[in-house]
N, C-alpha and C. Protein backbone atom coordinates (compact mmCIF):
# COMPACT_ATOMS: atom_id res chain seq x y z
N MET A 1 2.15 -62.78 -80.21
CA MET A 1 2.91 -62.08 -79.00
C MET A 1 4.21 -61.61 -79.70
N HIS A 2 4.41 -60.23 -79.73
CA HIS A 2 5.54 -59.45 -80.57
C HIS A 2 6.71 -59.93 -79.80
N LYS A 3 7.99 -59.65 -80.60
CA LYS A 3 9.16 -60.34 -80.39
C LYS A 3 9.39 -59.48 -79.08
N LYS A 4 9.14 -58.37 -79.24
CA LYS A 4 9.77 -57.51 -77.65
C LYS A 4 9.18 -58.04 -76.57
N GLU A 5 7.78 -58.21 -76.87
CA GLU A 5 6.94 -58.87 -75.50
C GLU A 5 7.67 -60.25 -75.10
N LEU A 6 7.63 -61.19 -76.06
CA LEU A 6 8.38 -62.35 -75.63
C LEU A 6 9.97 -62.11 -74.96
N LYS A 7 10.70 -60.91 -75.74
CA LYS A 7 12.09 -60.51 -74.70
C LYS A 7 11.79 -60.37 -73.38
N GLN A 8 10.91 -59.51 -73.11
CA GLN A 8 10.74 -59.03 -72.24
C GLN A 8 10.41 -60.09 -71.12
N ILE A 9 9.76 -61.14 -71.32
CA ILE A 9 9.03 -61.74 -70.70
C ILE A 9 10.50 -62.93 -70.12
N GLU A 10 11.01 -63.52 -71.26
CA GLU A 10 12.00 -64.16 -71.10
C GLU A 10 13.15 -63.46 -70.02
N ASN A 11 13.40 -62.14 -70.69
CA ASN A 11 14.16 -61.19 -69.34
C ASN A 11 13.80 -61.36 -67.79
N LEU A 12 12.25 -61.54 -67.57
CA LEU A 12 11.40 -61.62 -66.64
C LEU A 12 11.86 -63.04 -66.07
N LEU A 13 11.35 -63.87 -66.93
CA LEU A 13 12.04 -65.58 -66.33
C LEU A 13 13.28 -65.91 -65.87
N LYS A 14 14.56 -65.12 -67.03
CA LYS A 14 15.48 -65.21 -66.24
C LYS A 14 16.08 -64.54 -65.10
N SER A 15 15.26 -63.23 -64.97
CA SER A 15 15.66 -62.82 -63.42
C SER A 15 15.02 -63.55 -62.19
N ARG A 16 14.05 -63.88 -62.46
CA ARG A 16 13.73 -64.90 -61.25
C ARG A 16 14.23 -66.19 -61.30
N LYS A 17 15.00 -66.52 -62.16
CA LYS A 17 15.42 -68.07 -62.25
C LYS A 17 16.64 -67.48 -61.60
N ASN A 18 17.32 -66.37 -61.83
CA ASN A 18 18.68 -66.42 -61.10
C ASN A 18 18.58 -65.28 -59.52
N ILE A 19 17.42 -65.10 -59.28
CA ILE A 19 17.00 -64.53 -57.97
C ILE A 19 16.66 -66.12 -57.08
N LEU A 20 16.49 -67.13 -57.83
CA LEU A 20 15.98 -68.17 -57.11
C LEU A 20 17.04 -69.37 -56.99
N LEU A 21 17.79 -69.03 -57.74
CA LEU A 21 18.94 -69.99 -57.65
C LEU A 21 19.97 -69.21 -56.11
N LYS A 22 20.22 -67.68 -56.60
CA LYS A 22 20.87 -67.32 -55.60
C LYS A 22 20.81 -67.54 -53.94
N GLU A 23 18.98 -67.61 -54.14
CA GLU A 23 18.50 -67.79 -52.59
C GLU A 23 18.97 -69.47 -52.25
N PHE A 24 18.86 -70.33 -53.39
CA PHE A 24 19.13 -71.46 -53.02
C PHE A 24 20.37 -71.58 -52.43
N GLU A 25 21.30 -71.04 -53.07
CA GLU A 25 22.79 -70.98 -53.03
C GLU A 25 22.85 -70.57 -51.40
N GLU A 26 22.47 -69.43 -51.08
CA GLU A 26 22.05 -68.97 -49.62
C GLU A 26 21.65 -69.87 -48.28
N ARG A 27 20.85 -70.51 -48.86
CA ARG A 27 20.15 -71.44 -47.96
C ARG A 27 21.16 -73.04 -48.03
N VAL A 28 21.67 -73.09 -49.00
CA VAL A 28 22.75 -74.18 -48.75
C VAL A 28 24.20 -73.47 -47.96
N LYS A 29 24.68 -72.49 -48.13
CA LYS A 29 25.48 -71.91 -47.19
C LYS A 29 24.96 -72.26 -45.60
N LYS A 30 23.55 -71.76 -45.44
CA LYS A 30 23.13 -71.50 -44.45
C LYS A 30 23.17 -72.56 -43.54
N TYR A 31 22.70 -73.52 -44.48
CA TYR A 31 22.59 -75.01 -44.03
C TYR A 31 24.14 -75.53 -43.50
N ARG A 32 24.65 -75.18 -44.50
CA ARG A 32 26.14 -75.85 -44.12
C ARG A 32 26.91 -75.15 -42.77
N ASP A 33 26.67 -74.10 -42.67
CA ASP A 33 27.51 -73.12 -41.64
C ASP A 33 26.34 -73.41 -40.36
N GLY A 34 25.11 -73.41 -40.07
CA GLY A 34 24.22 -73.99 -38.96
C GLY A 34 24.27 -75.08 -38.34
N GLY A 35 25.02 -76.38 -39.25
CA GLY A 35 24.94 -77.52 -38.89
C GLY A 35 25.77 -77.98 -37.49
N THR A 36 26.77 -77.02 -37.56
CA THR A 36 27.37 -77.08 -36.06
C THR A 36 26.69 -77.09 -34.95
N GLU A 37 26.09 -76.28 -34.67
CA GLU A 37 24.96 -76.15 -33.40
C GLU A 37 24.24 -77.55 -32.88
N LYS A 38 24.47 -77.52 -31.46
CA LYS A 38 23.34 -78.74 -31.61
C LYS A 38 22.61 -78.49 -30.25
N ALA A 39 20.97 -78.76 -30.57
CA ALA A 39 19.69 -78.16 -29.78
C ALA A 39 20.17 -79.52 -28.49
N THR A 40 19.66 -78.63 -27.49
CA THR A 40 20.36 -79.37 -26.51
C THR A 40 18.68 -79.96 -25.38
N ASP A 41 17.71 -78.39 -25.83
CA ASP A 41 16.73 -78.63 -25.02
C ASP A 41 15.25 -79.37 -25.92
N ILE A 42 14.73 -79.89 -25.22
CA ILE A 42 13.14 -80.65 -25.92
C ILE A 42 12.54 -79.23 -27.03
N ALA A 43 12.49 -78.18 -26.34
CA ALA A 43 11.79 -77.05 -26.80
C ALA A 43 12.57 -76.54 -28.40
N GLU A 44 13.95 -76.33 -28.09
CA GLU A 44 14.60 -76.42 -29.03
C GLU A 44 14.87 -77.13 -30.20
N ILE A 45 15.08 -78.80 -29.84
CA ILE A 45 14.88 -79.64 -30.93
C ILE A 45 13.51 -79.53 -31.74
N ALA A 46 12.19 -79.49 -31.06
CA ALA A 46 10.97 -78.93 -31.58
C ALA A 46 10.83 -78.12 -32.49
N SER A 47 11.50 -76.81 -32.26
CA SER A 47 11.38 -75.47 -32.77
C SER A 47 12.51 -75.32 -33.90
N SER A 48 13.40 -76.13 -33.76
CA SER A 48 14.45 -76.64 -35.28
C SER A 48 13.81 -77.42 -36.06
N SER A 49 12.91 -78.84 -35.89
CA SER A 49 12.43 -79.37 -36.24
C SER A 49 11.56 -78.82 -37.32
N SER A 50 10.71 -77.84 -36.71
CA SER A 50 9.71 -77.37 -37.28
C SER A 50 10.17 -76.37 -38.65
N SER A 51 11.11 -75.37 -38.10
CA SER A 51 11.92 -74.68 -39.04
C SER A 51 12.42 -75.52 -40.00
N GLU A 52 13.17 -76.59 -40.19
CA GLU A 52 13.47 -77.45 -41.25
C GLU A 52 12.11 -77.92 -41.57
N ILE A 53 11.55 -78.12 -41.02
CA ILE A 53 10.25 -78.85 -42.31
C ILE A 53 9.77 -77.40 -43.13
N LEU A 54 9.53 -76.25 -42.37
CA LEU A 54 8.80 -75.09 -42.94
C LEU A 54 10.19 -74.50 -44.40
N GLU A 55 11.23 -74.78 -44.00
CA GLU A 55 12.17 -74.41 -45.03
C GLU A 55 12.13 -75.57 -46.24
N ILE A 56 12.08 -76.88 -45.68
CA ILE A 56 11.95 -77.87 -46.71
C ILE A 56 10.96 -77.72 -47.59
N ALA A 57 9.50 -77.02 -47.33
CA ALA A 57 8.51 -77.12 -48.13
C ALA A 57 8.52 -75.27 -48.57
N VAL A 58 9.70 -74.27 -48.44
CA VAL A 58 9.75 -73.32 -49.10
C VAL A 58 10.59 -73.84 -50.54
N VAL A 59 11.82 -74.53 -50.07
CA VAL A 59 13.02 -75.07 -50.85
C VAL A 59 11.76 -75.79 -52.02
N GLU A 60 11.31 -76.33 -51.55
CA GLU A 60 10.21 -78.07 -52.90
C GLU A 60 9.60 -76.68 -53.41
N GLU A 61 8.77 -75.67 -53.12
CA GLU A 61 8.33 -74.95 -53.78
C GLU A 61 9.10 -74.36 -54.90
N ASP A 62 10.00 -73.42 -54.23
CA ASP A 62 11.19 -72.56 -55.53
C ASP A 62 11.48 -73.60 -56.45
N ALA A 63 12.13 -74.67 -56.29
CA ALA A 63 12.42 -75.77 -56.80
C ALA A 63 11.40 -76.10 -58.30
N LYS A 64 10.34 -76.21 -57.41
CA LYS A 64 8.85 -76.34 -58.44
C LYS A 64 8.98 -75.37 -59.62
N GLU A 65 8.69 -73.89 -59.06
CA GLU A 65 8.92 -72.75 -59.82
C GLU A 65 10.16 -72.55 -60.57
N LEU A 66 11.27 -73.16 -59.99
CA LEU A 66 12.30 -72.85 -61.18
C LEU A 66 12.51 -74.07 -62.27
N LYS A 67 11.67 -75.28 -62.14
CA LYS A 67 11.24 -76.30 -63.13
C LYS A 67 10.17 -75.40 -64.01
N GLN A 68 9.22 -74.68 -63.48
CA GLN A 68 8.27 -73.76 -64.34
C GLN A 68 8.80 -73.12 -65.11
N ILE A 69 10.14 -72.24 -64.64
CA ILE A 69 10.81 -71.30 -65.90
C ILE A 69 11.31 -71.78 -66.77
N GLU A 70 12.24 -72.93 -66.47
CA GLU A 70 13.10 -73.49 -67.05
C GLU A 70 12.34 -74.29 -68.19
N ASP A 71 11.13 -74.64 -68.03
CA ASP A 71 10.19 -75.13 -69.26
C ASP A 71 10.01 -74.03 -70.14
N ALA A 72 9.05 -73.33 -69.51
CA ALA A 72 8.89 -71.80 -70.39
C ALA A 72 10.12 -71.50 -71.18
N LEU A 73 11.23 -71.36 -70.86
CA LEU A 73 12.75 -70.92 -71.23
C LEU A 73 12.53 -71.86 -72.65
N ALA A 74 12.25 -72.95 -72.26
CA ALA A 74 12.30 -74.28 -73.34
C ALA A 74 11.03 -74.19 -74.49
N ARG A 75 10.21 -73.55 -73.86
CA ARG A 75 9.08 -73.57 -74.77
C ARG A 75 9.15 -72.38 -75.41
N MET A 76 9.58 -71.50 -75.21
CA MET A 76 10.16 -70.05 -76.03
C MET A 76 11.33 -70.37 -77.00
N LYS A 77 12.70 -71.63 -76.76
CA LYS A 77 13.40 -71.51 -77.71
C LYS A 77 12.42 -72.53 -78.70
N ALA A 78 11.38 -73.65 -78.70
CA ALA A 78 10.85 -74.18 -79.65
C ALA A 78 9.73 -73.26 -80.37
N GLY A 79 9.61 -72.38 -79.98
CA GLY A 79 8.59 -71.96 -80.54
C GLY A 79 6.68 -71.86 -79.91
N GLN A 80 6.96 -72.87 -79.04
CA GLN A 80 6.14 -73.10 -78.51
C GLN A 80 5.12 -72.46 -77.08
N TYR A 81 5.79 -71.07 -76.53
CA TYR A 81 5.47 -70.19 -75.56
C TYR A 81 4.10 -69.92 -75.98
N GLY A 82 3.54 -69.48 -74.82
CA GLY A 82 2.21 -69.09 -75.12
C GLY A 82 1.02 -70.21 -75.51
N VAL A 83 1.22 -71.01 -75.79
CA VAL A 83 0.15 -71.99 -76.38
C VAL A 83 -0.40 -73.06 -75.03
N CYS A 84 -1.68 -73.16 -75.18
CA CYS A 84 -2.24 -74.21 -74.01
C CYS A 84 -1.46 -75.65 -74.60
N GLU A 85 -1.16 -76.04 -73.14
CA GLU A 85 -0.96 -77.37 -73.67
C GLU A 85 -2.35 -78.39 -73.63
N GLN A 86 -3.27 -77.86 -73.14
CA GLN A 86 -4.55 -78.69 -72.85
C GLN A 86 -5.21 -78.72 -74.14
N CYS A 87 -5.71 -77.51 -74.71
CA CYS A 87 -6.37 -77.26 -75.57
C CYS A 87 -5.87 -76.60 -77.01
N GLY A 88 -4.75 -76.26 -76.85
CA GLY A 88 -3.83 -75.80 -77.93
C GLY A 88 -4.00 -74.46 -78.84
N ARG A 89 -4.89 -73.61 -77.70
CA ARG A 89 -5.27 -72.40 -77.98
C ARG A 89 -4.17 -71.18 -77.57
N ALA A 90 -3.87 -70.00 -78.11
CA ALA A 90 -3.32 -69.25 -77.58
C ALA A 90 -3.45 -69.04 -76.13
N ILE A 91 -2.13 -68.55 -74.85
CA ILE A 91 -2.81 -67.92 -73.85
C ILE A 91 -2.50 -66.73 -73.79
N LYS A 92 -3.78 -65.88 -73.22
CA LYS A 92 -3.72 -64.44 -73.26
C LYS A 92 -2.50 -63.58 -72.68
N LYS A 93 -2.17 -62.62 -73.54
CA LYS A 93 -0.93 -62.32 -72.80
C LYS A 93 -0.82 -61.61 -71.22
N ALA A 94 -2.06 -61.05 -71.12
CA ALA A 94 -2.53 -60.86 -69.91
C ALA A 94 -2.09 -62.05 -68.58
N ARG A 95 -2.41 -62.81 -69.11
CA ARG A 95 -2.37 -64.13 -68.21
C ARG A 95 -0.42 -64.48 -67.97
N LEU A 96 -0.05 -64.26 -69.51
CA LEU A 96 1.34 -64.67 -69.64
C LEU A 96 2.00 -63.58 -68.77
N LYS A 97 1.76 -62.35 -68.89
CA LYS A 97 2.35 -61.40 -67.89
C LYS A 97 2.39 -61.44 -66.57
N ALA A 98 1.14 -62.01 -65.98
CA ALA A 98 0.84 -62.37 -64.32
C ALA A 98 1.76 -63.37 -64.10
N ILE A 99 1.56 -64.49 -64.87
CA ILE A 99 2.10 -65.46 -64.71
C ILE A 99 3.25 -66.15 -66.11
N PRO A 100 4.42 -65.84 -66.08
CA PRO A 100 4.90 -66.31 -67.52
C PRO A 100 5.49 -67.55 -67.76
N PHE A 101 5.45 -68.42 -66.51
CA PHE A 101 5.40 -70.01 -66.75
C PHE A 101 3.81 -70.36 -66.91
N ALA A 102 2.94 -69.95 -67.34
CA ALA A 102 1.74 -70.53 -67.16
C ALA A 102 2.11 -71.45 -68.37
N THR A 103 1.01 -72.78 -68.45
CA THR A 103 1.49 -73.70 -69.68
C THR A 103 -0.18 -74.11 -69.87
N LEU A 104 -1.63 -73.57 -69.15
CA LEU A 104 -2.61 -73.47 -69.62
C LEU A 104 -3.20 -72.17 -69.78
N CYS A 105 -4.18 -71.91 -70.70
CA CYS A 105 -5.26 -71.12 -70.60
C CYS A 105 -6.21 -70.79 -69.54
N VAL A 106 -6.66 -70.33 -69.40
CA VAL A 106 -7.50 -69.65 -68.12
C VAL A 106 -9.08 -70.52 -67.89
N ARG A 107 -9.33 -70.93 -68.84
CA ARG A 107 -10.59 -71.95 -68.91
C ARG A 107 -9.94 -73.13 -68.77
N CYS A 108 -8.97 -73.80 -69.30
CA CYS A 108 -8.53 -74.86 -69.13
C CYS A 108 -7.79 -75.10 -67.56
N LYS A 109 -7.07 -74.22 -67.00
CA LYS A 109 -6.71 -73.72 -65.68
C LYS A 109 -8.01 -74.16 -64.63
N GLU A 110 -8.97 -73.48 -64.88
CA GLU A 110 -9.76 -73.74 -64.29
C GLU A 110 -10.99 -75.35 -63.92
N GLU A 111 -10.81 -75.67 -65.25
CA GLU A 111 -11.23 -77.06 -65.41
C GLU A 111 -10.46 -77.98 -64.53
N GLU A 112 -8.97 -77.70 -64.78
CA GLU A 112 -8.17 -78.38 -63.89
C GLU A 112 -8.26 -77.93 -62.44
N GLU A 113 -8.37 -76.49 -61.77
CA GLU A 113 -8.20 -76.86 -60.43
C GLU A 113 -9.57 -77.24 -59.89
N LYS A 114 -10.67 -77.17 -60.66
CA LYS A 114 -12.04 -78.08 -60.12
C LYS A 114 -11.65 -79.26 -59.82
N MET A 115 -11.08 -79.85 -60.91
CA MET A 115 -10.86 -81.61 -61.01
C MET A 115 -9.58 -81.76 -59.49
N CYS A 116 -8.85 -80.94 -59.45
CA CYS A 116 -7.93 -81.09 -58.06
C CYS A 116 -8.63 -80.61 -56.56
N ASP A 117 -9.91 -79.89 -56.96
CA ASP A 117 -10.63 -79.87 -55.75
C ASP A 117 -11.24 -80.87 -55.69
N GLU A 118 -11.98 -81.94 -56.80
CA GLU A 118 -12.85 -82.56 -55.94
C GLU A 118 -11.83 -83.70 -55.69
N LYS A 119 -10.65 -83.71 -56.03
CA LYS A 119 -9.82 -84.95 -55.83
C LYS A 119 -9.09 -84.76 -54.11
N ASP A 120 -8.64 -83.55 -53.91
CA ASP A 120 -8.59 -83.37 -52.57
C ASP A 120 -9.78 -83.52 -51.65
N PHE A 121 -10.66 -83.05 -52.07
CA PHE A 121 -12.06 -83.16 -51.04
C PHE A 121 -12.29 -84.47 -50.97
N GLN A 122 -12.57 -85.71 -51.65
CA GLN A 122 -12.30 -86.72 -51.44
C GLN A 122 -11.16 -87.49 -50.58
N THR A 123 -10.11 -87.12 -51.08
CA THR A 123 -8.89 -87.42 -50.20
C THR A 123 -8.75 -86.82 -48.77
N ARG A 124 -9.26 -85.63 -48.43
CA ARG A 124 -9.62 -85.35 -47.19
C ARG A 124 -10.76 -86.25 -46.26
N HIS A 125 -11.71 -86.40 -47.31
CA HIS A 125 -12.80 -87.33 -46.74
C HIS A 125 -12.59 -88.75 -46.34
N GLU A 126 -11.73 -89.20 -47.03
CA GLU A 126 -11.09 -90.51 -46.73
C GLU A 126 -9.71 -90.68 -45.54
N ALA A 127 -9.01 -89.54 -45.65
CA ALA A 127 -8.49 -89.32 -44.56
C ALA A 127 -9.28 -89.41 -43.12
N GLU A 128 -9.96 -88.18 -42.92
CA GLU A 128 -10.91 -88.13 -41.89
C GLU A 128 -11.71 -89.50 -41.54
N GLU A 129 -12.49 -89.82 -42.63
CA GLU A 129 -13.42 -91.62 -42.44
C GLU A 129 -12.41 -92.80 -41.36
N ASN A 130 -11.02 -92.37 -42.03
CA ASN A 130 -9.91 -93.40 -41.39
C ASN A 130 -9.45 -93.26 -40.04
N VAL A 131 -9.28 -91.62 -39.96
CA VAL A 131 -9.12 -91.44 -38.23
C VAL A 131 -10.21 -91.77 -37.28
N ASN A 132 -11.37 -91.77 -37.77
CA ASN A 132 -12.39 -91.80 -36.96
C ASN A 132 -13.56 -93.65 -36.98
N ARG A 133 -13.13 -94.19 -37.95
CA ARG A 133 -13.39 -95.56 -37.62
C ARG A 133 -13.16 -96.09 -36.64
N PRO A 134 -14.14 -96.96 -35.74
CA PRO A 134 -13.95 -97.87 -34.58
C PRO A 134 -13.00 -98.36 -34.33
N GLU A 135 -12.50 -99.14 -35.77
CA GLU A 135 -11.33 -100.22 -35.39
C GLU A 135 -9.66 -99.73 -35.85
N ASN A 136 -9.73 -98.05 -35.71
CA ASN A 136 -8.54 -97.05 -36.33
C ASN A 136 -8.76 -96.28 -34.93
N ARG A 137 -9.49 -96.47 -34.14
CA ARG A 137 -9.74 -95.40 -32.72
C ARG A 137 -7.98 -96.08 -32.06
N GLU A 138 -7.72 -97.24 -31.86
CA GLU A 138 -6.68 -97.74 -31.44
C GLU A 138 -5.07 -97.67 -32.18
N THR A 139 -5.24 -96.73 -33.00
CA THR A 139 -3.91 -96.83 -33.74
C THR A 139 -2.81 -96.13 -33.20
N ASP A 140 -1.76 -96.46 -33.80
CA ASP A 140 -0.30 -95.71 -32.73
C ASP A 140 -0.14 -94.80 -33.15
N GLU A 141 0.25 -93.46 -32.35
CA GLU A 141 -0.01 -91.98 -32.50
C GLU A 141 0.85 -91.73 -33.95
N ASN A 142 1.83 -92.58 -34.43
CA ASN A 142 2.58 -92.51 -35.50
C ASN A 142 1.34 -91.89 -36.81
N ASP A 143 0.60 -93.23 -36.66
CA ASP A 143 -0.30 -92.97 -37.84
C ASP A 143 -1.58 -92.26 -37.73
N THR A 144 -1.84 -91.80 -36.47
CA THR A 144 -2.85 -90.55 -36.58
C THR A 144 -2.15 -89.07 -36.60
N ARG A 145 -0.92 -89.11 -36.50
CA ARG A 145 0.05 -87.79 -36.89
C ARG A 145 0.03 -87.68 -38.23
N TYR A 146 0.11 -89.09 -38.92
CA TYR A 146 0.58 -88.82 -39.97
C TYR A 146 -0.75 -88.48 -41.02
N LEU A 147 -1.77 -88.75 -40.55
CA LEU A 147 -3.05 -88.69 -41.36
C LEU A 147 -3.83 -87.24 -40.93
N ARG A 148 -3.24 -86.61 -40.15
CA ARG A 148 -3.54 -85.25 -39.65
C ARG A 148 -2.30 -84.44 -40.39
N LYS A 149 -0.73 -85.03 -40.78
CA LYS A 149 0.06 -84.24 -41.55
C LYS A 149 -0.69 -84.26 -43.07
N LYS A 150 -1.39 -85.59 -43.22
CA LYS A 150 -1.91 -85.30 -44.71
C LYS A 150 -2.86 -84.55 -44.73
N ILE A 151 -3.57 -83.99 -44.32
CA ILE A 151 -5.20 -83.48 -43.88
C ILE A 151 -4.57 -81.93 -44.11
N ILE A 152 -3.42 -81.68 -42.86
CA ILE A 152 -3.18 -80.26 -43.16
C ILE A 152 -2.23 -79.88 -44.71
N GLU A 153 -1.57 -81.01 -44.92
CA GLU A 153 -0.66 -80.74 -46.30
C GLU A 153 -1.49 -80.31 -47.43
N ILE A 154 -3.13 -81.10 -47.61
CA ILE A 154 -4.12 -80.92 -48.36
C ILE A 154 -4.77 -79.41 -47.93
N GLU A 155 -4.63 -79.19 -46.93
CA GLU A 155 -5.64 -77.61 -46.65
C GLU A 155 -4.80 -76.79 -47.18
N TYR A 156 -3.14 -76.63 -46.57
CA TYR A 156 -1.99 -75.88 -47.05
C TYR A 156 -2.01 -75.91 -48.68
N HIS A 157 -1.82 -76.94 -49.06
CA HIS A 157 -2.22 -76.97 -50.80
C HIS A 157 -3.70 -76.16 -51.38
N ASP A 158 -4.56 -76.21 -50.63
CA ASP A 158 -5.70 -75.30 -51.37
C ASP A 158 -5.52 -74.03 -50.66
N LYS A 159 -5.00 -73.72 -49.86
CA LYS A 159 -4.54 -72.43 -49.46
C LYS A 159 -3.68 -71.37 -50.30
N ARG A 160 -2.88 -72.47 -50.93
CA ARG A 160 -1.01 -71.93 -51.83
C ARG A 160 -2.03 -71.67 -53.28
N ASN A 161 -3.26 -72.46 -53.36
CA ASN A 161 -3.93 -72.59 -54.96
C ASN A 161 -5.07 -71.31 -54.72
């Protein structure tokens, strides 16, 4: 990859990093400013809880992306940017332009996703089996909610990837 292309990608990464940091600061400010209101109604409390859970999920995804950006910038500094961590081959320019923090070439990423899909299927299958076992039919609501939440998280993860 040419120095000019690397510099463009570096600028893109730094720009995205700044956007993520700014959004994080805005969320923290919103959280601090909004913390004085008290929910009084069950519906308000439920809605607030749902919003907080969604907000936490967004923050976690942003933190993950921020880490990937930091790692990509570090690889650039070390002269390792654009090299597949799995097979050691060069990652194609088109992939790096589309996903500038990519660490795997397309082939290795496809293999990783296939393995994750198989693992997610197994985990989902085990969770469903646990819910449907006769000895677990009388589990308390918290266990059932937890298992359903895990199934939803796995499905959400599948849709995001």
